[in-house]
Protein backbone atom coordinates (compact mmCIF):
# COMPACT_ATOMS: atom_id res chain seq x y z
CA UNK A 1 189.23 -62.16 195.18
CA UNK A 2 185.71 -61.46 194.81
CA UNK A 3 184.05 -58.32 194.33
CA UNK A 4 181.80 -57.37 196.82
CA UNK A 5 179.39 -55.65 194.61
CA UNK A 6 179.15 -58.68 192.17
CA UNK A 7 178.16 -61.41 195.34
CA UNK A 8 175.58 -58.78 197.09
CA UNK A 9 173.92 -58.38 193.61
CA UNK A 10 172.50 -61.51 193.42
CA UNK A 11 171.30 -62.02 197.31
CA UNK A 12 169.65 -58.57 196.66
CA UNK A 13 167.61 -59.98 193.95
CA UNK A 14 166.41 -63.14 195.70
CA UNK A 15 164.98 -61.15 198.48
CA UNK A 16 163.09 -58.57 195.84
CA UNK A 17 161.57 -62.38 194.16
CA UNK A 18 161.00 -63.61 197.46
CA UNK A 19 159.37 -60.19 199.02
CA UNK A 20 157.42 -59.63 195.48
CA UNK A 21 156.41 -63.44 195.83
CA UNK A 22 154.73 -63.07 199.08
CA UNK A 23 153.02 -59.95 198.29
CA UNK A 24 151.58 -61.95 195.59
CA UNK A 25 150.55 -64.21 197.52
CA UNK A 26 148.49 -62.17 199.97
CA UNK A 27 147.29 -60.48 197.29
CA UNK A 28 145.84 -64.27 196.41
CA UNK A 29 144.65 -64.95 199.74
CA UNK A 30 142.72 -61.60 200.37
CA UNK A 31 141.10 -62.42 196.91
CA UNK A 32 139.82 -65.42 197.89
CA UNK A 33 136.84 -64.30 199.65
CA UNK A 34 135.49 -62.09 197.29
CA UNK A 35 136.52 -64.64 194.37
CA UNK A 36 133.78 -66.83 196.31
CA UNK A 37 131.46 -64.51 196.17
CA UNK A 38 131.46 -63.34 192.68
CA UNK A 39 130.84 -66.51 191.72
CA UNK A 40 128.06 -66.98 194.37
CA UNK A 41 125.98 -68.71 193.16
CA UNK A 42 127.24 -71.93 192.10
CA UNK A 43 124.89 -74.72 193.23
CA UNK A 44 121.45 -75.01 194.70
CA UNK A 45 119.67 -72.31 196.76
CA UNK A 46 117.43 -73.88 199.87
CA UNK A 47 114.58 -71.69 200.94
CA UNK A 48 113.20 -73.22 204.42
CA UNK A 49 109.77 -72.41 204.86
CA UNK A 50 108.37 -73.12 208.81
CA UNK A 51 105.49 -74.33 208.02
CA UNK A 52 103.58 -77.34 206.18
CA UNK A 53 103.30 -77.09 202.02
CA UNK A 54 100.09 -75.68 200.61
CA UNK A 55 99.84 -72.67 203.29
CA UNK A 56 100.29 -68.94 201.96
CA UNK A 57 103.65 -68.91 203.27
CA UNK A 58 104.54 -71.97 201.65
CA UNK A 59 103.03 -70.81 197.80
CA UNK A 60 104.79 -67.59 198.80
CA UNK A 61 108.10 -69.37 199.01
CA UNK A 62 107.68 -71.09 195.78
CA UNK A 63 106.83 -67.90 193.63
CA UNK A 64 109.96 -66.58 194.94
CA UNK A 65 112.04 -69.47 194.22
CA UNK A 66 110.89 -69.99 190.73
CA UNK A 67 112.03 -66.52 189.69
CA UNK A 68 115.35 -66.53 191.91
CA UNK A 69 116.18 -69.75 189.87
CA UNK A 70 115.75 -67.83 186.56
CA UNK A 71 117.74 -65.01 187.61
CA UNK A 72 120.10 -67.00 189.83
CA UNK A 73 120.80 -69.87 187.25
CA UNK A 74 120.61 -72.10 189.55
CA UNK A 75 117.61 -74.34 191.14
CA UNK A 76 116.18 -72.72 193.94
CA UNK A 77 114.21 -75.26 196.00
CA UNK A 78 111.51 -74.46 198.78
CA UNK A 79 112.29 -77.06 201.86
CA UNK A 80 109.30 -77.34 204.58
CA UNK A 81 110.23 -77.63 208.07
CA UNK A 82 107.08 -76.85 210.10
CA UNK A 83 106.69 -77.34 214.13
CA UNK A 84 106.82 -75.74 217.44
CA UNK A 85 105.15 -72.97 216.31
CA UNK A 86 108.11 -71.62 213.55
CA UNK A 87 110.70 -72.75 216.17
CA UNK A 88 111.94 -75.65 213.79
CA UNK A 89 112.86 -74.51 210.77
CA UNK A 90 114.11 -70.89 212.16
CA UNK A 91 116.43 -72.48 214.41
CA UNK A 92 117.93 -75.04 211.27
CA UNK A 93 118.49 -71.72 209.19
CA UNK A 94 120.00 -69.66 212.11
CA UNK A 95 122.76 -72.96 212.86
CA UNK A 96 123.25 -73.22 208.49
CA UNK A 97 126.47 -72.41 207.26
CA UNK A 98 126.26 -68.53 206.49
CA UNK A 99 127.34 -68.76 202.79
CA UNK A 100 123.34 -67.63 201.21
CA UNK A 101 122.80 -71.18 200.26
CA UNK A 102 120.16 -71.82 203.51
CA UNK A 103 117.57 -69.11 203.46
CA UNK A 104 114.62 -68.51 205.56
CA UNK A 105 111.17 -67.09 204.38
CA UNK A 106 109.51 -66.73 207.63
CA UNK A 107 106.06 -64.43 208.87
CA UNK A 108 106.37 -62.26 211.98
CA UNK A 109 106.04 -64.86 214.68
CA UNK A 110 109.03 -66.82 214.96
CA UNK A 111 111.24 -63.53 214.61
CA UNK A 112 109.39 -61.72 217.44
CA UNK A 113 106.43 -62.53 219.08
CA UNK A 114 108.47 -66.21 220.04
CA UNK A 115 110.69 -64.25 221.77
CA UNK A 116 108.12 -63.19 224.50
CA UNK A 117 105.65 -66.62 224.08
CA UNK A 118 109.22 -68.80 225.17
CA UNK A 119 111.36 -68.04 227.73
CA UNK A 120 114.79 -69.72 225.83
CA UNK A 121 114.59 -70.05 222.49
CA UNK A 122 117.30 -71.92 220.63
CA UNK A 123 118.24 -68.83 218.66
CA UNK A 124 118.25 -65.15 218.99
CA UNK A 125 116.74 -63.76 215.68
CA UNK A 126 118.36 -60.21 216.37
CA UNK A 127 121.56 -62.05 216.35
CA UNK A 128 121.61 -65.90 214.49
CA UNK A 129 119.72 -64.14 211.46
CA UNK A 130 120.32 -61.39 209.14
CA UNK A 131 117.35 -59.52 206.58
CA UNK A 132 117.45 -60.27 202.78
CA UNK A 133 114.04 -58.76 202.04
CA UNK A 134 110.62 -57.92 202.89
CA UNK A 135 108.59 -60.09 200.28
CA UNK A 136 104.99 -58.68 200.96
CA UNK A 137 103.05 -57.68 203.42
CA UNK A 138 100.15 -60.04 204.90
CA UNK A 139 97.23 -57.92 205.82
CA UNK A 140 94.68 -58.74 208.04
CA UNK A 141 91.16 -58.36 208.70
CA UNK A 142 88.48 -58.58 211.50
CA UNK A 143 85.91 -60.70 210.34
CA UNK A 144 82.43 -62.23 212.38
CA UNK A 145 79.93 -65.00 211.44
CA UNK A 146 76.81 -63.40 209.55
CA UNK A 147 75.03 -64.26 212.92
CA UNK A 148 76.91 -61.26 214.71
CA UNK A 149 74.64 -58.24 214.30
CA UNK A 150 77.35 -55.87 213.99
CA UNK A 151 78.24 -54.01 211.03
CA UNK A 152 81.30 -51.88 211.86
CA UNK A 153 83.87 -52.35 214.57
CA UNK A 154 82.06 -49.82 217.01
CA UNK A 155 78.54 -51.89 216.65
CA UNK A 156 80.91 -55.27 217.34
CA UNK A 157 81.95 -53.50 220.73
CA UNK A 158 78.32 -52.77 221.62
CA UNK A 159 77.04 -56.02 220.77
CA UNK A 160 79.68 -57.55 223.14
CA UNK A 161 79.03 -55.16 225.88
CA UNK A 162 75.17 -56.76 225.66
CA UNK A 163 76.33 -59.94 225.74
CA UNK A 164 79.40 -60.38 227.96
CA UNK A 165 80.93 -64.10 227.85
CA UNK A 166 79.09 -64.71 224.51
CA UNK A 167 81.35 -63.63 222.26
CA UNK A 168 84.48 -66.33 220.95
CA UNK A 169 87.52 -64.76 219.35
CA UNK A 170 89.56 -67.66 217.33
CA UNK A 171 92.98 -67.19 216.75
CA UNK A 172 96.08 -69.26 214.76
CA UNK A 173 97.40 -69.56 218.23
CA UNK A 174 97.99 -68.29 221.99
CA UNK A 175 99.93 -64.46 221.46
CA UNK A 176 99.26 -63.90 218.00
CA UNK A 177 97.22 -61.17 216.17
CA UNK A 178 94.03 -61.93 217.14
CA UNK A 179 94.76 -62.72 220.59
CA UNK A 180 96.35 -59.71 221.23
CA UNK A 181 93.44 -57.53 219.96
CA UNK A 182 91.01 -59.67 222.26
CA UNK A 183 92.84 -58.69 225.29
CA UNK A 184 93.49 -54.99 223.93
CA UNK A 185 89.71 -55.40 223.62
CA UNK A 186 88.44 -56.22 227.01
CA UNK A 187 91.31 -54.36 228.80
CA UNK A 188 90.30 -50.90 227.22
CA UNK A 189 86.49 -51.49 226.51
CA UNK A 190 85.34 -53.65 229.43
CA UNK A 191 84.12 -56.47 227.24
CA UNK A 192 84.14 -59.88 228.25
CA UNK A 193 85.40 -62.56 225.24
CA UNK A 194 86.68 -65.97 225.30
CA UNK A 195 89.62 -66.55 223.25
CA UNK A 196 89.88 -70.01 221.36
CA UNK A 197 93.40 -70.92 220.13
CA UNK A 198 94.24 -73.30 216.82
CA UNK A 199 96.69 -75.11 215.78
CA UNK A 200 96.87 -73.09 212.35
CA UNK A 201 94.84 -70.42 210.38
CA UNK A 202 92.96 -72.67 208.50
CA UNK A 203 91.39 -75.01 211.16
CA UNK A 204 90.11 -71.58 212.48
CA UNK A 205 88.63 -70.43 209.49
CA UNK A 206 86.61 -73.32 208.82
CA UNK A 207 84.91 -73.57 212.87
CA UNK A 208 84.31 -69.34 211.92
CA UNK A 209 82.03 -70.37 208.76
CA UNK A 210 80.65 -73.22 210.80
CA UNK A 211 79.60 -70.39 213.61
CA UNK A 212 81.53 -72.51 216.25
CA UNK A 213 83.20 -69.31 217.00
CA UNK A 214 81.81 -65.78 216.28
CA UNK A 215 85.23 -63.73 215.43
CA UNK A 216 88.75 -63.35 214.31
CA UNK A 217 91.15 -61.29 212.84
CA UNK A 218 92.60 -63.16 210.11
CA UNK A 219 94.82 -63.15 206.83
CA UNK A 220 93.02 -61.76 204.02
CA UNK A 221 94.71 -64.53 202.14
CA UNK A 222 92.94 -67.09 204.01
CA UNK A 223 89.31 -65.32 204.60
CA UNK A 224 88.58 -63.39 201.22
CA UNK A 225 87.36 -66.37 199.47
CA UNK A 226 84.81 -66.82 202.29
CA UNK A 227 84.21 -62.98 202.44
CA UNK A 228 83.06 -62.77 198.84
CA UNK A 229 81.11 -66.06 198.82
CA UNK A 230 79.21 -63.83 202.06
CA UNK A 231 80.10 -66.75 204.64
CA UNK A 232 82.01 -64.23 206.52
CA UNK A 233 81.41 -60.03 206.98
CA UNK A 234 84.46 -58.01 207.18
CA UNK A 235 84.28 -55.23 210.05
CA UNK A 236 87.59 -53.68 209.70
CA UNK A 237 91.29 -54.13 208.29
CA UNK A 238 94.69 -53.55 210.01
CA UNK A 239 96.91 -51.00 209.06
CA UNK A 240 97.31 -46.83 208.25
CA UNK A 241 95.72 -47.66 205.09
CA UNK A 242 92.89 -50.28 203.06
CA UNK A 243 94.16 -53.42 201.92
CA UNK A 244 94.22 -53.58 197.98
CA UNK A 245 92.42 -57.42 198.57
CA UNK A 246 89.50 -55.64 199.87
CA UNK A 247 89.22 -52.07 199.04
CA UNK A 248 85.59 -51.50 199.87
CA UNK A 249 86.42 -52.91 204.18
CA UNK A 250 87.76 -49.77 206.38
CA UNK A 251 90.25 -49.85 208.72
CA UNK A 252 90.23 -49.40 212.28
CA UNK A 253 91.78 -45.80 212.07
CA UNK A 254 88.97 -44.99 209.66
CA UNK A 255 86.08 -45.60 211.50
CA UNK A 256 88.24 -44.00 215.05
CA UNK A 257 90.52 -46.47 216.49
CA UNK A 258 93.71 -45.76 215.92
CA UNK A 259 95.41 -47.30 218.72
CA UNK A 260 98.86 -49.39 218.04
CA UNK A 261 97.20 -52.92 218.14
CA UNK A 262 95.13 -52.22 215.23
CA UNK A 263 97.95 -50.28 212.86
CA UNK A 264 100.21 -53.21 212.95
CA UNK A 265 101.12 -55.06 209.80
CA UNK A 266 104.09 -57.27 209.76
CA UNK A 267 106.09 -58.80 206.57
CA UNK A 268 106.52 -62.28 205.55
CA UNK A 269 110.76 -61.88 205.10
CA UNK A 270 113.66 -63.42 203.84
CA UNK A 271 116.48 -64.26 205.98
CA UNK A 272 120.00 -65.94 206.13
CA UNK A 273 122.27 -66.76 208.94
CA UNK A 274 123.79 -63.46 210.53
CA UNK A 275 127.43 -63.95 209.43
CA UNK A 276 126.37 -64.13 205.69
CA UNK A 277 129.07 -62.20 203.54
CA UNK A 278 127.21 -58.55 202.96
CA UNK A 279 128.18 -59.06 199.30
CA UNK A 280 126.14 -62.13 199.23
CA UNK A 281 123.16 -60.72 201.15
CA UNK A 282 123.41 -57.65 198.81
CA UNK A 283 122.93 -59.75 196.02
CA UNK A 284 120.16 -61.98 196.91
CA UNK A 285 118.06 -58.60 198.01
CA UNK A 286 119.05 -57.06 194.80
CA UNK A 287 117.83 -60.60 192.89
CA UNK A 288 114.76 -60.85 195.21
CA UNK A 289 113.74 -57.29 194.53
CA UNK A 290 113.60 -57.35 190.98
CA UNK A 291 111.94 -60.82 191.34
CA UNK A 292 108.92 -59.47 193.39
CA UNK A 293 108.82 -55.89 190.97
CA UNK A 294 108.11 -58.29 188.40
CA UNK A 295 104.41 -57.49 187.34
CA UNK A 296 103.39 -61.33 186.87
CA UNK A 297 104.54 -61.68 190.25
CA UNK A 298 103.43 -58.79 191.76
CA UNK A 299 100.27 -60.18 190.47
CA UNK A 300 100.24 -63.26 191.84
CA UNK A 301 101.22 -62.23 195.19
CA UNK A 302 98.21 -59.45 195.19
CA UNK A 303 96.17 -62.62 194.12
CA UNK A 304 97.25 -64.15 197.44
CA UNK A 305 95.84 -61.23 198.98
CA UNK A 306 99.27 -60.09 199.80
CA UNK A 307 101.30 -56.99 198.88
CA UNK A 308 104.13 -56.59 197.21
CA UNK A 309 107.27 -54.93 198.79
CA UNK A 310 110.33 -56.41 197.40
CA UNK A 311 112.86 -53.83 199.83
CA UNK A 312 116.66 -54.11 199.89
CA UNK A 313 118.58 -55.62 203.15
CA UNK A 314 118.92 -52.03 204.81
CA UNK A 315 115.60 -51.41 204.47
CA UNK A 316 114.56 -54.62 205.89
CA UNK A 317 116.44 -54.49 208.54
CA UNK A 318 115.40 -51.09 209.60
CA UNK A 319 111.91 -52.01 209.60
CA UNK A 320 112.26 -54.94 211.59
CA UNK A 321 113.85 -53.35 214.24
CA UNK A 322 111.16 -50.61 214.45
CA UNK A 323 108.00 -53.52 213.99
CA UNK A 324 109.99 -55.51 216.99
CA UNK A 325 109.57 -53.42 220.38
CA UNK A 326 105.67 -53.03 218.90
CA UNK A 327 104.66 -56.39 218.94
CA UNK A 328 107.27 -57.40 221.56
CA UNK A 329 104.79 -54.93 223.94
CA UNK A 330 101.71 -56.16 222.36
CA UNK A 331 102.09 -60.06 222.65
CA UNK A 332 103.57 -59.40 226.61
CA UNK A 333 100.16 -57.96 227.04
CA UNK A 334 98.46 -61.49 226.54
CA UNK A 335 100.75 -63.05 229.30
CA UNK A 336 100.80 -66.14 227.62
CA UNK A 337 103.85 -68.19 228.06
CA UNK A 338 104.34 -71.63 226.25
CA UNK A 339 107.19 -73.33 227.88
């Protein structure tokens, strides 16, 4: 007759071995995502720009891509997907795999004003995308053709009042910052101006230099060379402090105009699909911050007329949440709908 104790021992050992195997298997499964994130990146990364090659956003993307590639040890390529006011490129990234390998470098419009301008966007930037870092702030300046007699913003308002319907404000599209300023001026000061929208900032600048339009609020990046050459006269910069690239030009607030519309500045931001793992986003945010804060990179960004930021994901997210309601309100005030 067999001893019950001796027959039970092997069965107990088998159960212990089976339990240990299950625990090891579960541990391996749990460790997979972390392991994958630790190996990030293991292949090339794409930065999508919603505008054509050669513009300031595209140049900024290539500066960041070059620095990231060196730090991450993988190629970082810029891909231009332009059209529909930035919607095409933004939607592409919003619907891409959330793995950190497809990113978006965006100006404010596609992730703010477009929510008002279009009744049905194919994406919602609040839920379909997440912030990685604000790369830089693109400063804007109110500039006029030299034929305009005004030397400051107060003088411009007086000149417009003296000639109702004569003055034209160019913009790089309906609902954009210059259009917001033009509408606000007419409503607040009783002026009568005409809004002239263009498909981009470059053709607008050409017509401003040629005197076809009288004024605009444009990026320092685009307008600075013409200001330096005396082909345009700067009257005021938007924001709470002077622009580094135009230190002699006062802000609107310094001239007594501290209204919200004149204080608003928006960053160029790097974003990822919303479900990209936190660990990947944090890694990218740290690396981008390190790139932007390199002296040579900061210098190149400043040469574009922009001001380096390079903040981390949490700070970029907080800044977006604060910026969004303000720009939505200002865009709504223009009354523009594009669909």
